[in-house]
Amino acid sequence: MLDVSSDTHNGTLTPGGMGQIVGHRLKFDASDENQGIFFVAGDGTATRVTVVGRNMPADLMFMVPDGLTAGEYTLEVRAAFASNDIRSGTLAVALTVS
């Protein structure tokens, strides 16, 4: 994940800043509240990204939610496939809001 505001990869999160994820099978149905980009705090609280500028199979551009407090987060992308089962992909490193 690229934090555009700090120009860092897989480390820093800037609440209110832009983020980018590059990969494959990333596109999701933004109208389904169970799908999307989520930041999961250490206590299990998931915050869904509400502003997505690009939602493509290999590229997501979005605003990091303003409400994230200091701490470590896990990044998840959740999407439904042909079977309509929601699957998630998780970034292997923790992201930090300081």
N, C-alpha and C. Protein backbone atom coordinates (compact mmCIF):
# COMPACT_ATOMS: atom_id res chain seq x y z
N MET A 1 0.83 -1.16 0.00
CA MET A 1 0.00 0.00 0.00
C MET A 1 0.88 1.23 0.00
N LEU A 2 0.53 2.18 -0.83
CA LEU A 2 1.24 3.46 -0.89
C LEU A 2 0.42 4.51 -0.16
N ASP A 3 1.02 5.17 0.82
CA ASP A 3 0.44 6.33 1.45
C ASP A 3 0.96 7.54 0.68
N VAL A 4 0.12 8.12 -0.17
CA VAL A 4 0.55 9.19 -1.07
C VAL A 4 1.02 10.40 -0.28
N SER A 5 0.36 10.73 0.82
CA SER A 5 0.71 11.92 1.60
C SER A 5 2.13 11.87 2.16
N SER A 6 2.55 10.71 2.64
CA SER A 6 3.91 10.58 3.20
C SER A 6 4.88 9.94 2.23
N ASP A 7 4.38 9.49 1.07
CA ASP A 7 5.18 8.81 0.04
C ASP A 7 5.91 7.60 0.63
N THR A 8 5.19 6.82 1.45
CA THR A 8 5.76 5.61 2.04
C THR A 8 4.95 4.39 1.62
N HIS A 9 5.63 3.26 1.54
CA HIS A 9 5.01 1.99 1.19
C HIS A 9 4.93 1.10 2.42
N ASN A 10 3.75 0.53 2.65
CA ASN A 10 3.55 -0.50 3.67
C ASN A 10 4.07 -0.10 5.05
N GLY A 11 3.71 1.09 5.50
CA GLY A 11 4.16 1.50 6.83
C GLY A 11 3.25 2.53 7.46
N THR A 12 3.25 3.73 6.91
CA THR A 12 2.54 4.86 7.49
C THR A 12 1.17 5.03 6.87
N LEU A 13 0.20 5.42 7.71
CA LEU A 13 -1.13 5.82 7.23
C LEU A 13 -1.34 7.27 7.63
N THR A 14 -1.81 8.09 6.70
CA THR A 14 -2.12 9.48 6.98
C THR A 14 -3.64 9.66 6.90
N PRO A 15 -4.33 9.75 8.05
CA PRO A 15 -5.78 9.95 8.01
C PRO A 15 -6.13 11.19 7.18
N GLY A 16 -7.09 11.03 6.28
CA GLY A 16 -7.49 12.12 5.40
C GLY A 16 -6.66 12.21 4.14
N GLY A 17 -5.60 11.41 4.03
CA GLY A 17 -4.73 11.40 2.86
C GLY A 17 -5.16 10.35 1.85
N MET A 18 -4.46 10.33 0.73
CA MET A 18 -4.75 9.37 -0.33
C MET A 18 -3.93 8.10 -0.14
N GLY A 19 -4.55 6.98 -0.50
CA GLY A 19 -3.87 5.70 -0.47
C GLY A 19 -4.05 4.99 -1.79
N GLN A 20 -3.14 4.08 -2.10
CA GLN A 20 -3.22 3.31 -3.34
C GLN A 20 -2.81 1.87 -3.05
N ILE A 21 -3.56 0.94 -3.63
CA ILE A 21 -3.25 -0.47 -3.56
C ILE A 21 -3.15 -0.99 -4.99
N VAL A 22 -2.07 -1.70 -5.29
CA VAL A 22 -1.88 -2.30 -6.61
C VAL A 22 -1.79 -3.81 -6.40
N GLY A 23 -2.52 -4.56 -7.22
CA GLY A 23 -2.51 -6.01 -7.08
C GLY A 23 -3.38 -6.64 -8.15
N HIS A 24 -4.11 -7.67 -7.78
CA HIS A 24 -5.04 -8.30 -8.71
C HIS A 24 -6.28 -8.75 -7.95
N ARG A 25 -7.40 -8.83 -8.67
CA ARG A 25 -8.70 -9.20 -8.10
C ARG A 25 -9.09 -8.26 -6.95
N LEU A 26 -8.88 -6.97 -7.15
CA LEU A 26 -9.17 -5.99 -6.11
C LEU A 26 -10.55 -5.36 -6.24
N LYS A 27 -11.11 -5.31 -7.43
CA LYS A 27 -12.37 -4.61 -7.66
C LYS A 27 -13.49 -5.19 -6.80
N PHE A 28 -14.30 -4.31 -6.25
CA PHE A 28 -15.40 -4.71 -5.38
C PHE A 28 -16.64 -3.90 -5.72
N ASP A 29 -17.78 -4.34 -5.21
CA ASP A 29 -19.05 -3.64 -5.40
C ASP A 29 -19.18 -2.61 -4.28
N ALA A 30 -18.97 -1.33 -4.61
CA ALA A 30 -18.98 -0.26 -3.61
C ALA A 30 -20.36 -0.07 -2.97
N SER A 31 -21.42 -0.53 -3.62
CA SER A 31 -22.76 -0.37 -3.05
C SER A 31 -23.06 -1.41 -1.96
N ASP A 32 -22.23 -2.44 -1.85
CA ASP A 32 -22.40 -3.48 -0.84
C ASP A 32 -21.52 -3.13 0.37
N GLU A 33 -22.15 -2.85 1.50
CA GLU A 33 -21.42 -2.45 2.72
C GLU A 33 -20.45 -3.51 3.23
N ASN A 34 -20.64 -4.75 2.81
CA ASN A 34 -19.76 -5.84 3.25
C ASN A 34 -18.49 -5.94 2.40
N GLN A 35 -18.47 -5.24 1.28
CA GLN A 35 -17.31 -5.24 0.40
C GLN A 35 -16.60 -3.90 0.50
N GLY A 36 -15.33 -3.91 0.14
CA GLY A 36 -14.59 -2.65 0.10
C GLY A 36 -13.22 -2.78 0.72
N ILE A 37 -12.69 -1.61 1.08
CA ILE A 37 -11.38 -1.49 1.72
C ILE A 37 -11.64 -1.22 3.19
N PHE A 38 -11.00 -1.99 4.06
CA PHE A 38 -11.22 -1.86 5.50
C PHE A 38 -9.87 -1.75 6.21
N PHE A 39 -9.84 -0.90 7.23
CA PHE A 39 -8.70 -0.82 8.14
C PHE A 39 -9.17 -1.41 9.45
N VAL A 40 -8.49 -2.48 9.90
CA VAL A 40 -8.89 -3.21 11.10
C VAL A 40 -7.90 -2.91 12.21
N ALA A 41 -8.42 -2.33 13.30
CA ALA A 41 -7.58 -1.98 14.46
C ALA A 41 -7.24 -3.24 15.25
N GLY A 42 -6.30 -3.10 16.18
CA GLY A 42 -5.88 -4.21 17.02
C GLY A 42 -7.01 -4.84 17.82
N ASP A 43 -8.03 -4.05 18.17
CA ASP A 43 -9.15 -4.58 18.94
C ASP A 43 -10.22 -5.22 18.06
N GLY A 44 -9.96 -5.29 16.73
CA GLY A 44 -10.89 -5.93 15.81
C GLY A 44 -11.89 -4.99 15.16
N THR A 45 -11.90 -3.71 15.56
CA THR A 45 -12.81 -2.74 14.98
C THR A 45 -12.40 -2.46 13.54
N ALA A 46 -13.35 -2.64 12.61
CA ALA A 46 -13.07 -2.41 11.20
C ALA A 46 -13.68 -1.08 10.75
N THR A 47 -12.87 -0.26 10.08
CA THR A 47 -13.33 1.01 9.52
C THR A 47 -13.31 0.89 8.02
N ARG A 48 -14.48 1.06 7.40
CA ARG A 48 -14.61 0.94 5.94
C ARG A 48 -14.26 2.26 5.27
N VAL A 49 -13.52 2.20 4.19
CA VAL A 49 -13.21 3.38 3.38
C VAL A 49 -14.48 3.77 2.65
N THR A 50 -14.84 5.05 2.73
CA THR A 50 -16.07 5.52 2.08
C THR A 50 -15.83 6.30 0.80
N VAL A 51 -14.61 6.82 0.62
CA VAL A 51 -14.30 7.59 -0.58
C VAL A 51 -13.28 6.81 -1.41
N VAL A 52 -13.76 6.26 -2.54
CA VAL A 52 -12.91 5.49 -3.44
C VAL A 52 -12.92 6.20 -4.79
N GLY A 53 -11.73 6.61 -5.24
CA GLY A 53 -11.63 7.31 -6.51
C GLY A 53 -11.43 6.38 -7.69
N ARG A 54 -10.76 5.27 -7.47
CA ARG A 54 -10.52 4.29 -8.54
C ARG A 54 -10.75 2.91 -7.96
N ASN A 55 -11.63 2.15 -8.62
CA ASN A 55 -11.98 0.80 -8.19
C ASN A 55 -11.83 -0.11 -9.39
N MET A 56 -10.60 -0.51 -9.65
CA MET A 56 -10.27 -1.33 -10.81
C MET A 56 -9.73 -2.68 -10.34
N PRO A 57 -9.75 -3.69 -11.21
CA PRO A 57 -9.26 -5.01 -10.80
C PRO A 57 -7.82 -5.03 -10.29
N ALA A 58 -6.97 -4.13 -10.79
CA ALA A 58 -5.56 -4.16 -10.39
C ALA A 58 -5.11 -2.90 -9.66
N ASP A 59 -6.03 -1.97 -9.36
CA ASP A 59 -5.62 -0.69 -8.79
C ASP A 59 -6.79 -0.06 -8.03
N LEU A 60 -6.54 0.30 -6.78
CA LEU A 60 -7.51 1.03 -5.97
C LEU A 60 -6.89 2.33 -5.50
N MET A 61 -7.60 3.45 -5.64
CA MET A 61 -7.18 4.75 -5.10
C MET A 61 -8.30 5.20 -4.17
N PHE A 62 -7.95 5.69 -2.98
CA PHE A 62 -8.96 5.99 -1.97
C PHE A 62 -8.44 7.01 -0.96
N MET A 63 -9.37 7.56 -0.19
CA MET A 63 -9.03 8.44 0.93
C MET A 63 -8.96 7.59 2.19
N VAL A 64 -7.86 7.73 2.93
CA VAL A 64 -7.73 7.05 4.22
C VAL A 64 -8.72 7.74 5.18
N PRO A 65 -9.57 6.99 5.88
CA PRO A 65 -10.57 7.61 6.75
C PRO A 65 -9.96 8.56 7.79
N ASP A 66 -10.59 9.72 7.96
CA ASP A 66 -10.14 10.72 8.94
C ASP A 66 -10.20 10.22 10.37
N GLY A 67 -11.13 9.33 10.68
CA GLY A 67 -11.37 8.92 12.05
C GLY A 67 -10.39 7.90 12.63
N LEU A 68 -9.39 7.50 11.88
CA LEU A 68 -8.44 6.51 12.41
C LEU A 68 -7.59 7.15 13.50
N THR A 69 -7.53 6.50 14.64
CA THR A 69 -6.72 7.01 15.75
C THR A 69 -5.34 6.37 15.71
N ALA A 70 -4.42 6.89 16.53
CA ALA A 70 -3.06 6.37 16.56
C ALA A 70 -3.06 4.89 16.90
N GLY A 71 -2.23 4.13 16.21
CA GLY A 71 -2.13 2.70 16.45
C GLY A 71 -1.82 1.94 15.18
N GLU A 72 -1.82 0.61 15.30
CA GLU A 72 -1.54 -0.25 14.15
C GLU A 72 -2.84 -0.79 13.57
N TYR A 73 -2.85 -0.93 12.23
CA TYR A 73 -4.01 -1.40 11.51
C TYR A 73 -3.61 -2.46 10.50
N THR A 74 -4.54 -3.37 10.26
CA THR A 74 -4.41 -4.34 9.19
C THR A 74 -5.29 -3.87 8.05
N LEU A 75 -4.79 -3.93 6.83
CA LEU A 75 -5.55 -3.53 5.65
C LEU A 75 -6.18 -4.76 5.02
N GLU A 76 -7.49 -4.70 4.76
CA GLU A 76 -8.20 -5.79 4.10
C GLU A 76 -8.99 -5.25 2.92
N VAL A 77 -8.99 -6.00 1.83
CA VAL A 77 -9.89 -5.72 0.71
C VAL A 77 -10.84 -6.90 0.65
N ARG A 78 -12.14 -6.60 0.69
CA ARG A 78 -13.17 -7.64 0.68
C ARG A 78 -14.00 -7.49 -0.59
N ALA A 79 -14.16 -8.59 -1.31
CA ALA A 79 -14.91 -8.57 -2.57
C ALA A 79 -15.63 -9.88 -2.77
N ALA A 80 -16.78 -9.82 -3.45
CA ALA A 80 -17.54 -11.02 -3.79
C ALA A 80 -17.15 -11.45 -5.20
N PHE A 81 -17.05 -12.75 -5.39
CA PHE A 81 -16.73 -13.30 -6.69
C PHE A 81 -17.97 -13.98 -7.26
N ALA A 82 -17.80 -14.76 -8.28
CA ALA A 82 -18.92 -15.39 -9.01
C ALA A 82 -19.89 -16.12 -8.10
N SER A 83 -19.40 -16.70 -7.05
CA SER A 83 -20.27 -17.45 -6.14
C SER A 83 -20.99 -16.53 -5.14
N ASN A 84 -20.69 -15.23 -5.19
CA ASN A 84 -21.22 -14.23 -4.27
C ASN A 84 -20.72 -14.40 -2.85
N ASP A 85 -19.76 -15.29 -2.65
CA ASP A 85 -19.11 -15.39 -1.35
C ASP A 85 -18.10 -14.26 -1.24
N ILE A 86 -18.12 -13.56 -0.11
CA ILE A 86 -17.16 -12.47 0.08
C ILE A 86 -15.85 -13.06 0.56
N ARG A 87 -14.81 -12.70 -0.14
CA ARG A 87 -13.46 -13.14 0.21
C ARG A 87 -12.64 -11.92 0.55
N SER A 88 -11.62 -12.10 1.37
CA SER A 88 -10.79 -10.96 1.75
C SER A 88 -9.33 -11.27 1.51
N GLY A 89 -8.62 -10.22 1.18
CA GLY A 89 -7.17 -10.28 1.07
C GLY A 89 -6.61 -9.31 2.08
N THR A 90 -5.55 -9.72 2.77
CA THR A 90 -4.97 -8.92 3.84
C THR A 90 -3.53 -8.58 3.53
N LEU A 91 -3.17 -7.32 3.72
CA LEU A 91 -1.77 -6.91 3.56
C LEU A 91 -0.96 -7.57 4.67
N ALA A 92 0.18 -8.14 4.32
CA ALA A 92 0.97 -8.93 5.26
C ALA A 92 1.66 -8.11 6.35
N VAL A 93 1.74 -6.80 6.19
CA VAL A 93 2.40 -5.96 7.19
C VAL A 93 1.38 -5.04 7.85
N ALA A 94 1.65 -4.66 9.10
CA ALA A 94 0.78 -3.72 9.81
C ALA A 94 1.08 -2.31 9.34
N LEU A 95 0.04 -1.48 9.30
CA LEU A 95 0.17 -0.07 8.94
C LEU A 95 -0.03 0.76 10.20
N THR A 96 0.67 1.89 10.31
CA THR A 96 0.66 2.66 11.55
C THR A 96 0.19 4.09 11.35
N VAL A 97 -0.73 4.51 12.22
CA VAL A 97 -1.10 5.92 12.34
C VAL A 97 -0.40 6.42 13.58
N SER A 98 0.39 7.51 13.42
CA SER A 98 1.09 8.01 14.62
C SER A 98 0.46 9.27 15.15
